[in-house]
Full PDB file with SEQRES, HELIX, SHEET, SSBOND, CRYST1, ORIGX, SCALE, CONECT and MASTER records, all heavy atoms in Angstrom:
SEQRES   1 A   32  GLN ALA PRO GLY LYS GLN ARG GLU LEU VAL ALA GLU ILE          
SEQRES   2 A   32  GLY ILE SER GLY THR THR ASN TYR ALA ASP ALA GLU LYS          
SEQRES   3 A   32  GLY ARG VAL THR ILE SER                                      
HELIX    1 AA1 ASP A   23  GLU A   25  5                                   3    
SHEET    1 AA1 2 ALA A  11  ILE A  13  0                                        
SHEET    2 AA1 2 THR A  19  TYR A  21 -1                                        
CRYST1    1.000    1.000    1.000  90.00  90.00  90.00 P 1           1          
ORIGX1      1.000000  0.000000  0.000000        0.00000                         
ORIGX2      0.000000  1.000000  0.000000        0.00000                         
ORIGX3      0.000000  0.000000  1.000000        0.00000                         
SCALE1      1.000000  0.000000  0.000000        0.00000                         
SCALE2      0.000000  1.000000  0.000000        0.00000                         
SCALE3      0.000000  0.000000  1.000000        0.00000                         
ATOM      1  N   GLN A   1     -81.801  59.589 -19.417  1.00  0.00           N  
ATOM      2  CA  GLN A   1     -82.787  58.558 -18.940  1.00  0.00           C  
ATOM      3  C   GLN A   1     -82.009  57.335 -18.550  1.00  0.00           C  
ATOM      4  O   GLN A   1     -81.501  56.605 -19.428  1.00  0.00           O  
ATOM      5  CB  GLN A   1     -83.844  58.282 -19.982  1.00  0.00           C  
ATOM      6  CG  GLN A   1     -84.997  57.396 -19.455  1.00  0.00           C  
ATOM      7  CD  GLN A   1     -86.211  57.316 -20.335  1.00  0.00           C  
ATOM      8  OE1 GLN A   1     -86.106  57.660 -21.559  1.00  0.00           O  
ATOM      9  NE2 GLN A   1     -87.344  56.971 -19.776  1.00  0.00           N  
ATOM     10  N   ALA A   2     -82.052  57.103 -17.238  1.00  0.00           N  
ATOM     11  CA  ALA A   2     -81.371  55.854 -16.737  1.00  0.00           C  
ATOM     12  C   ALA A   2     -82.395  54.712 -16.759  1.00  0.00           C  
ATOM     13  O   ALA A   2     -83.599  54.922 -16.797  1.00  0.00           O  
ATOM     14  CB  ALA A   2     -80.884  56.076 -15.303  1.00  0.00           C  
ATOM     15  N   PRO A   3     -81.927  53.480 -16.802  1.00  0.00           N  
ATOM     16  CA  PRO A   3     -82.838  52.352 -16.757  1.00  0.00           C  
ATOM     17  C   PRO A   3     -83.863  52.384 -15.692  1.00  0.00           C  
ATOM     18  O   PRO A   3     -83.493  52.545 -14.516  1.00  0.00           O  
ATOM     19  CB  PRO A   3     -81.881  51.189 -16.642  1.00  0.00           C  
ATOM     20  CG  PRO A   3     -80.551  51.579 -17.160  1.00  0.00           C  
ATOM     21  CD  PRO A   3     -80.508  53.060 -16.814  1.00  0.00           C  
ATOM     22  N   GLY A   4     -85.104  52.234 -16.030  1.00  0.00           N  
ATOM     23  CA  GLY A   4     -86.115  52.218 -15.047  1.00  0.00           C  
ATOM     24  C   GLY A   4     -86.592  53.539 -14.467  1.00  0.00           C  
ATOM     25  O   GLY A   4     -87.347  53.602 -13.603  1.00  0.00           O  
ATOM     26  N   LYS A   5     -85.975  54.588 -15.014  1.00  0.00           N  
ATOM     27  CA  LYS A   5     -86.244  55.908 -14.490  1.00  0.00           C  
ATOM     28  C   LYS A   5     -86.876  56.798 -15.554  1.00  0.00           C  
ATOM     29  O   LYS A   5     -86.746  56.559 -16.818  1.00  0.00           O  
ATOM     30  CB  LYS A   5     -85.035  56.535 -13.820  1.00  0.00           C  
ATOM     31  CG  LYS A   5     -84.509  55.820 -12.707  1.00  0.00           C  
ATOM     32  CD  LYS A   5     -83.370  56.571 -12.053  1.00  0.00           C  
ATOM     33  CE  LYS A   5     -82.877  55.874 -10.778  1.00  0.00           C  
ATOM     34  NZ  LYS A   5     -81.746  56.524 -10.146  1.00  0.00           N  
ATOM     35  N   GLN A   6     -87.468  57.915 -15.168  1.00  0.00           N  
ATOM     36  CA  GLN A   6     -87.993  58.830 -16.134  1.00  0.00           C  
ATOM     37  C   GLN A   6     -86.901  59.745 -16.730  1.00  0.00           C  
ATOM     38  O   GLN A   6     -85.785  59.919 -16.121  1.00  0.00           O  
ATOM     39  CB  GLN A   6     -88.991  59.807 -15.406  1.00  0.00           C  
ATOM     40  CG  GLN A   6     -90.289  59.075 -14.986  1.00  0.00           C  
ATOM     41  CD  GLN A   6     -91.330  60.026 -14.525  1.00  0.00           C  
ATOM     42  OE1 GLN A   6     -90.978  61.109 -13.907  1.00  0.00           O  
ATOM     43  NE2 GLN A   6     -92.646  59.747 -14.740  1.00  0.00           N  
ATOM     44  N   ARG A   7     -87.168  60.230 -17.876  1.00  0.00           N  
ATOM     45  CA  ARG A   7     -86.289  61.195 -18.531  1.00  0.00           C  
ATOM     46  C   ARG A   7     -86.204  62.433 -17.722  1.00  0.00           C  
ATOM     47  O   ARG A   7     -87.214  62.972 -17.308  1.00  0.00           O  
ATOM     48  CB  ARG A   7     -86.722  61.389 -19.952  1.00  0.00           C  
ATOM     49  CG  ARG A   7     -85.640  62.018 -20.871  1.00  0.00           C  
ATOM     50  CD  ARG A   7     -86.076  62.094 -22.286  1.00  0.00           C  
ATOM     51  NE  ARG A   7     -86.293  60.768 -22.837  1.00  0.00           N  
ATOM     52  CZ  ARG A   7     -86.572  60.489 -24.075  1.00  0.00           C  
ATOM     53  NH1 ARG A   7     -86.657  61.512 -24.981  1.00  0.00           N  
ATOM     54  NH2 ARG A   7     -86.760  59.260 -24.550  1.00  0.00           N  
ATOM     55  N   GLU A   8     -84.999  62.923 -17.476  1.00  0.00           N  
ATOM     56  CA  GLU A   8     -84.869  64.134 -16.748  1.00  0.00           C  
ATOM     57  C   GLU A   8     -83.903  65.159 -17.341  1.00  0.00           C  
ATOM     58  O   GLU A   8     -82.971  64.729 -18.003  1.00  0.00           O  
ATOM     59  CB  GLU A   8     -84.349  63.775 -15.285  1.00  0.00           C  
ATOM     60  CG  GLU A   8     -82.998  63.099 -15.304  1.00  0.00           C  
ATOM     61  CD  GLU A   8     -82.599  62.608 -13.876  1.00  0.00           C  
ATOM     62  OE1 GLU A   8     -83.377  62.789 -12.958  1.00  0.00           O  
ATOM     63  OE2 GLU A   8     -81.487  62.102 -13.771  1.00  0.00           O  
ATOM     64  N   LEU A   9     -84.127  66.370 -17.057  1.00  0.00           N  
ATOM     65  CA  LEU A   9     -83.276  67.446 -17.632  1.00  0.00           C  
ATOM     66  C   LEU A   9     -81.972  67.470 -16.983  1.00  0.00           C  
ATOM     67  O   LEU A   9     -81.875  67.327 -15.777  1.00  0.00           O  
ATOM     68  CB  LEU A   9     -83.972  68.789 -17.431  1.00  0.00           C  
ATOM     69  CG  LEU A   9     -83.195  69.983 -17.886  1.00  0.00           C  
ATOM     70  CD1 LEU A   9     -83.180  70.087 -19.409  1.00  0.00           C  
ATOM     71  CD2 LEU A   9     -83.807  71.318 -17.296  1.00  0.00           C  
ATOM     72  N   VAL A  10     -80.898  67.653 -17.861  1.00  0.00           N  
ATOM     73  CA  VAL A  10     -79.547  67.762 -17.404  1.00  0.00           C  
ATOM     74  C   VAL A  10     -79.125  69.255 -17.473  1.00  0.00           C  
ATOM     75  O   VAL A  10     -78.717  69.816 -16.477  1.00  0.00           O  
ATOM     76  CB  VAL A  10     -78.576  66.931 -18.208  1.00  0.00           C  
ATOM     77  CG1 VAL A  10     -77.143  67.165 -17.753  1.00  0.00           C  
ATOM     78  CG2 VAL A  10     -78.885  65.440 -18.110  1.00  0.00           C  
ATOM     79  N   ALA A  11     -79.354  69.805 -18.627  1.00  0.00           N  
ATOM     80  CA  ALA A  11     -78.977  71.154 -18.875  1.00  0.00           C  
ATOM     81  C   ALA A  11     -79.706  71.778 -20.050  1.00  0.00           C  
ATOM     82  O   ALA A  11     -80.131  70.994 -20.923  1.00  0.00           O  
ATOM     83  CB  ALA A  11     -77.438  71.270 -19.068  1.00  0.00           C  
ATOM     84  N   GLU A  12     -79.861  73.086 -20.009  1.00  0.00           N  
ATOM     85  CA  GLU A  12     -80.621  73.697 -21.027  1.00  0.00           C  
ATOM     86  C   GLU A  12     -79.869  75.000 -21.427  1.00  0.00           C  
ATOM     87  O   GLU A  12     -79.300  75.690 -20.547  1.00  0.00           O  
ATOM     88  CB  GLU A  12     -81.991  74.062 -20.606  1.00  0.00           C  
ATOM     89  CG  GLU A  12     -82.920  74.756 -21.547  1.00  0.00           C  
ATOM     90  CD  GLU A  12     -84.338  74.945 -21.027  1.00  0.00           C  
ATOM     91  OE1 GLU A  12     -84.441  75.874 -20.177  1.00  0.00           O  
ATOM     92  OE2 GLU A  12     -85.193  74.200 -21.390  1.00  0.00           O  
ATOM     93  N   ILE A  13     -79.893  75.406 -22.687  1.00  0.00           N  
ATOM     94  CA  ILE A  13     -79.305  76.664 -23.121  1.00  0.00           C  
ATOM     95  C   ILE A  13     -80.312  77.479 -24.004  1.00  0.00           C  
ATOM     96  O   ILE A  13     -80.833  76.866 -24.908  1.00  0.00           O  
ATOM     97  CB  ILE A  13     -77.893  76.421 -23.829  1.00  0.00           C  
ATOM     98  CG1 ILE A  13     -77.276  77.766 -24.138  1.00  0.00           C  
ATOM     99  CG2 ILE A  13     -78.105  75.524 -25.056  1.00  0.00           C  
ATOM    100  CD1 ILE A  13     -75.753  77.565 -24.487  1.00  0.00           C  
ATOM    101  N   GLY A  14     -80.465  78.701 -23.665  1.00  0.00           N  
ATOM    102  CA  GLY A  14     -81.375  79.460 -24.393  1.00  0.00           C  
ATOM    103  C   GLY A  14     -80.902  80.058 -25.650  1.00  0.00           C  
ATOM    104  O   GLY A  14     -79.662  79.889 -26.079  1.00  0.00           O  
ATOM    105  N   ILE A  15     -81.714  80.951 -26.335  1.00  0.00           N  
ATOM    106  CA  ILE A  15     -81.266  81.528 -27.579  1.00  0.00           C  
ATOM    107  C   ILE A  15     -80.100  82.477 -27.380  1.00  0.00           C  
ATOM    108  O   ILE A  15     -79.212  82.542 -28.245  1.00  0.00           O  
ATOM    109  CB  ILE A  15     -82.521  82.235 -28.188  1.00  0.00           C  
ATOM    110  CG1 ILE A  15     -83.646  81.203 -28.463  1.00  0.00           C  
ATOM    111  CG2 ILE A  15     -82.145  82.950 -29.443  1.00  0.00           C  
ATOM    112  CD1 ILE A  15     -85.040  81.881 -28.819  1.00  0.00           C  
ATOM    113  N   SER A  16     -80.073  83.194 -26.299  1.00  0.00           N  
ATOM    114  CA  SER A  16     -79.064  84.145 -26.058  1.00  0.00           C  
ATOM    115  C   SER A  16     -77.801  83.554 -25.337  1.00  0.00           C  
ATOM    116  O   SER A  16     -76.865  84.208 -25.038  1.00  0.00           O  
ATOM    117  CB  SER A  16     -79.600  85.232 -25.107  1.00  0.00           C  
ATOM    118  OG  SER A  16     -80.006  84.708 -23.849  1.00  0.00           O  
ATOM    119  N   GLY A  17     -77.917  82.169 -25.104  1.00  0.00           N  
ATOM    120  CA  GLY A  17     -76.798  81.533 -24.386  1.00  0.00           C  
ATOM    121  C   GLY A  17     -77.001  81.387 -22.947  1.00  0.00           C  
ATOM    122  O   GLY A  17     -76.070  80.741 -22.208  1.00  0.00           O  
ATOM    123  N   THR A  18     -78.082  81.814 -22.363  1.00  0.00           N  
ATOM    124  CA  THR A  18     -78.379  81.592 -20.977  1.00  0.00           C  
ATOM    125  C   THR A  18     -78.492  80.175 -20.687  1.00  0.00           C  
ATOM    126  O   THR A  18     -79.187  79.397 -21.408  1.00  0.00           O  
ATOM    127  CB  THR A  18     -79.687  82.334 -20.606  1.00  0.00           C  
ATOM    128  OG1 THR A  18     -79.489  83.751 -20.911  1.00  0.00           O  
ATOM    129  CG2 THR A  18     -79.926  82.243 -19.081  1.00  0.00           C  
ATOM    130  N   THR A  19     -77.863  79.722 -19.554  1.00  0.00           N  
ATOM    131  CA  THR A  19     -77.894  78.281 -19.342  1.00  0.00           C  
ATOM    132  C   THR A  19     -78.680  78.009 -18.017  1.00  0.00           C  
ATOM    133  O   THR A  19     -78.795  78.881 -17.169  1.00  0.00           O  
ATOM    134  CB  THR A  19     -76.455  77.729 -19.149  1.00  0.00           C  
ATOM    135  OG1 THR A  19     -75.764  78.487 -18.200  1.00  0.00           O  
ATOM    136  CG2 THR A  19     -75.704  77.844 -20.445  1.00  0.00           C  
ATOM    137  N   ASN A  20     -79.134  76.762 -17.963  1.00  0.00           N  
ATOM    138  CA  ASN A  20     -79.847  76.349 -16.736  1.00  0.00           C  
ATOM    139  C   ASN A  20     -79.451  74.856 -16.447  1.00  0.00           C  
ATOM    140  O   ASN A  20     -79.479  74.101 -17.506  1.00  0.00           O  
ATOM    141  CB  ASN A  20     -81.377  76.395 -16.977  1.00  0.00           C  
ATOM    142  CG  ASN A  20     -82.111  75.874 -15.822  1.00  0.00           C  
ATOM    143  OD1 ASN A  20     -81.846  76.101 -14.620  1.00  0.00           O  
ATOM    144  ND2 ASN A  20     -83.171  75.097 -16.106  1.00  0.00           N  
ATOM    145  N   TYR A  21     -79.116  74.538 -15.312  1.00  0.00           N  
ATOM    146  CA  TYR A  21     -78.610  73.199 -15.008  1.00  0.00           C  
ATOM    147  C   TYR A  21     -79.459  72.547 -13.840  1.00  0.00           C  
ATOM    148  O   TYR A  21     -79.868  73.202 -12.989  1.00  0.00           O  
ATOM    149  CB  TYR A  21     -77.137  73.207 -14.556  1.00  0.00           C  
ATOM    150  CG  TYR A  21     -76.162  73.770 -15.575  1.00  0.00           C  
ATOM    151  CD1 TYR A  21     -75.753  74.993 -15.659  1.00  0.00           C  
ATOM    152  CD2 TYR A  21     -75.733  72.838 -16.518  1.00  0.00           C  
ATOM    153  CE1 TYR A  21     -74.884  75.456 -16.602  1.00  0.00           C  
ATOM    154  CE2 TYR A  21     -74.831  73.217 -17.479  1.00  0.00           C  
ATOM    155  CZ  TYR A  21     -74.478  74.579 -17.548  1.00  0.00           C  
ATOM    156  OH  TYR A  21     -73.603  74.964 -18.511  1.00  0.00           O  
ATOM    157  N   ALA A  22     -79.651  71.256 -13.975  1.00  0.00           N  
ATOM    158  CA  ALA A  22     -80.259  70.506 -12.915  1.00  0.00           C  
ATOM    159  C   ALA A  22     -79.388  70.645 -11.689  1.00  0.00           C  
ATOM    160  O   ALA A  22     -78.150  70.654 -11.764  1.00  0.00           O  
ATOM    161  CB  ALA A  22     -80.447  69.013 -13.281  1.00  0.00           C  
ATOM    162  N   ASP A  23     -79.911  70.740 -10.482  1.00  0.00           N  
ATOM    163  CA  ASP A  23     -79.136  70.950  -9.282  1.00  0.00           C  
ATOM    164  C   ASP A  23     -78.065  69.852  -9.169  1.00  0.00           C  
ATOM    165  O   ASP A  23     -76.911  70.097  -8.729  1.00  0.00           O  
ATOM    166  CB  ASP A  23     -80.006  70.964  -8.105  1.00  0.00           C  
ATOM    167  CG  ASP A  23     -80.911  72.249  -7.993  1.00  0.00           C  
ATOM    168  OD1 ASP A  23     -80.530  73.206  -8.617  1.00  0.00           O  
ATOM    169  OD2 ASP A  23     -81.921  72.237  -7.304  1.00  0.00           O  
ATOM    170  N   ALA A  24     -78.450  68.628  -9.443  1.00  0.00           N  
ATOM    171  CA  ALA A  24     -77.474  67.544  -9.268  1.00  0.00           C  
ATOM    172  C   ALA A  24     -76.370  67.545 -10.218  1.00  0.00           C  
ATOM    173  O   ALA A  24     -75.304  66.880  -9.997  1.00  0.00           O  
ATOM    174  CB  ALA A  24     -78.243  66.228  -9.431  1.00  0.00           C  
ATOM    175  N   GLU A  25     -76.418  68.387 -11.319  1.00  0.00           N  
ATOM    176  CA  GLU A  25     -75.415  68.409 -12.288  1.00  0.00           C  
ATOM    177  C   GLU A  25     -74.488  69.707 -12.265  1.00  0.00           C  
ATOM    178  O   GLU A  25     -73.497  69.734 -12.890  1.00  0.00           O  
ATOM    179  CB  GLU A  25     -75.970  68.290 -13.621  1.00  0.00           C  
ATOM    180  CG  GLU A  25     -77.022  67.192 -13.868  1.00  0.00           C  
ATOM    181  CD  GLU A  25     -76.267  65.855 -13.742  1.00  0.00           C  
ATOM    182  OE1 GLU A  25     -75.039  65.738 -13.789  1.00  0.00           O  
ATOM    183  OE2 GLU A  25     -77.055  64.765 -13.673  1.00  0.00           O  
ATOM    184  N   LYS A  26     -74.923  70.623 -11.480  1.00  0.00           N  
ATOM    185  CA  LYS A  26     -74.198  71.888 -11.413  1.00  0.00           C  
ATOM    186  C   LYS A  26     -72.727  71.682 -10.983  1.00  0.00           C  
ATOM    187  O   LYS A  26     -72.481  71.058 -10.009  1.00  0.00           O  
ATOM    188  CB  LYS A  26     -74.920  72.830 -10.414  1.00  0.00           C  
ATOM    189  CG  LYS A  26     -76.239  73.400 -10.961  1.00  0.00           C  
ATOM    190  CD  LYS A  26     -76.846  74.342  -9.968  1.00  0.00           C  
ATOM    191  CE  LYS A  26     -78.198  74.895 -10.495  1.00  0.00           C  
ATOM    192  NZ  LYS A  26     -78.892  75.724  -9.577  1.00  0.00           N  
ATOM    193  N   GLY A  27     -71.873  72.342 -11.696  1.00  0.00           N  
ATOM    194  CA  GLY A  27     -70.462  72.209 -11.382  1.00  0.00           C  
ATOM    195  C   GLY A  27     -69.736  71.033 -12.119  1.00  0.00           C  
ATOM    196  O   GLY A  27     -68.511  70.966 -12.088  1.00  0.00           O  
ATOM    197  N   ARG A  28     -70.507  70.134 -12.635  1.00  0.00           N  
ATOM    198  CA  ARG A  28     -69.938  68.987 -13.323  1.00  0.00           C  
ATOM    199  C   ARG A  28     -70.114  69.000 -14.810  1.00  0.00           C  
ATOM    200  O   ARG A  28     -69.460  68.306 -15.529  1.00  0.00           O  
ATOM    201  CB  ARG A  28     -70.459  67.679 -12.708  1.00  0.00           C  
ATOM    202  CG  ARG A  28     -70.131  67.455 -11.217  1.00  0.00           C  
ATOM    203  CD  ARG A  28     -70.405  66.017 -10.804  1.00  0.00           C  
ATOM    204  NE  ARG A  28     -71.774  65.627 -11.145  1.00  0.00           N  
ATOM    205  CZ  ARG A  28     -72.032  64.798 -12.160  1.00  0.00           C  
ATOM    206  NH1 ARG A  28     -71.085  64.198 -12.883  1.00  0.00           N  
ATOM    207  NH2 ARG A  28     -73.345  64.413 -12.348  1.00  0.00           N  
ATOM    208  N   VAL A  29     -71.246  69.574 -15.253  1.00  0.00           N  
ATOM    209  CA  VAL A  29     -71.507  69.590 -16.732  1.00  0.00           C  
ATOM    210  C   VAL A  29     -71.527  71.043 -17.176  1.00  0.00           C  
ATOM    211  O   VAL A  29     -71.907  72.007 -16.456  1.00  0.00           O  
ATOM    212  CB  VAL A  29     -72.833  68.845 -16.979  1.00  0.00           C  
ATOM    213  CG1 VAL A  29     -72.770  67.510 -16.431  1.00  0.00           C  
ATOM    214  CG2 VAL A  29     -74.045  69.627 -16.492  1.00  0.00           C  
ATOM    215  N   THR A  30     -71.300  71.175 -18.497  1.00  0.00           N  
ATOM    216  CA  THR A  30     -71.322  72.468 -19.153  1.00  0.00           C  
ATOM    217  C   THR A  30     -72.036  72.266 -20.491  1.00  0.00           C  
ATOM    218  O   THR A  30     -71.646  71.447 -21.309  1.00  0.00           O  
ATOM    219  CB  THR A  30     -69.981  72.987 -19.359  1.00  0.00           C  
ATOM    220  OG1 THR A  30     -69.322  73.215 -18.067  1.00  0.00           O  
ATOM    221  CG2 THR A  30     -70.146  74.482 -20.018  1.00  0.00           C  
ATOM    222  N   ILE A  31     -73.104  73.021 -20.761  1.00  0.00           N  
ATOM    223  CA  ILE A  31     -73.742  73.025 -22.042  1.00  0.00           C  
ATOM    224  C   ILE A  31     -73.314  74.203 -22.835  1.00  0.00           C  
ATOM    225  O   ILE A  31     -73.165  75.305 -22.290  1.00  0.00           O  
ATOM    226  CB  ILE A  31     -75.321  72.922 -21.870  1.00  0.00           C  
ATOM    227  CG1 ILE A  31     -75.957  72.694 -23.162  1.00  0.00           C  
ATOM    228  CG2 ILE A  31     -75.843  74.214 -21.145  1.00  0.00           C  
ATOM    229  CD1 ILE A  31     -77.445  72.447 -23.146  1.00  0.00           C  
ATOM    230  N   SER A  32     -73.163  73.998 -24.161  1.00  0.00           N  
ATOM    231  CA  SER A  32     -72.748  75.113 -25.034  1.00  0.00           C  
ATOM    232  C   SER A  32     -73.404  74.843 -26.370  1.00  0.00           C  
ATOM    233  O   SER A  32     -73.755  73.794 -26.714  1.00  0.00           O  
ATOM    234  CB  SER A  32     -71.221  75.270 -25.062  1.00  0.00           C  
ATOM    235  OG  SER A  32     -70.679  74.049 -25.557  1.00  0.00           O  
TER     236      SER A  32                                                      
MASTER        0    0    0    1    2    0    0    6  235    1    0    3          
END                                                                             
């Protein structure tokens, strides 16, 4: 959540380890 902006998803990881990334973050962030 940046100042003055809504909270937004960066990355998510499921129970089995499946990951999902916001389009703007793909390639730059890794969730584990």
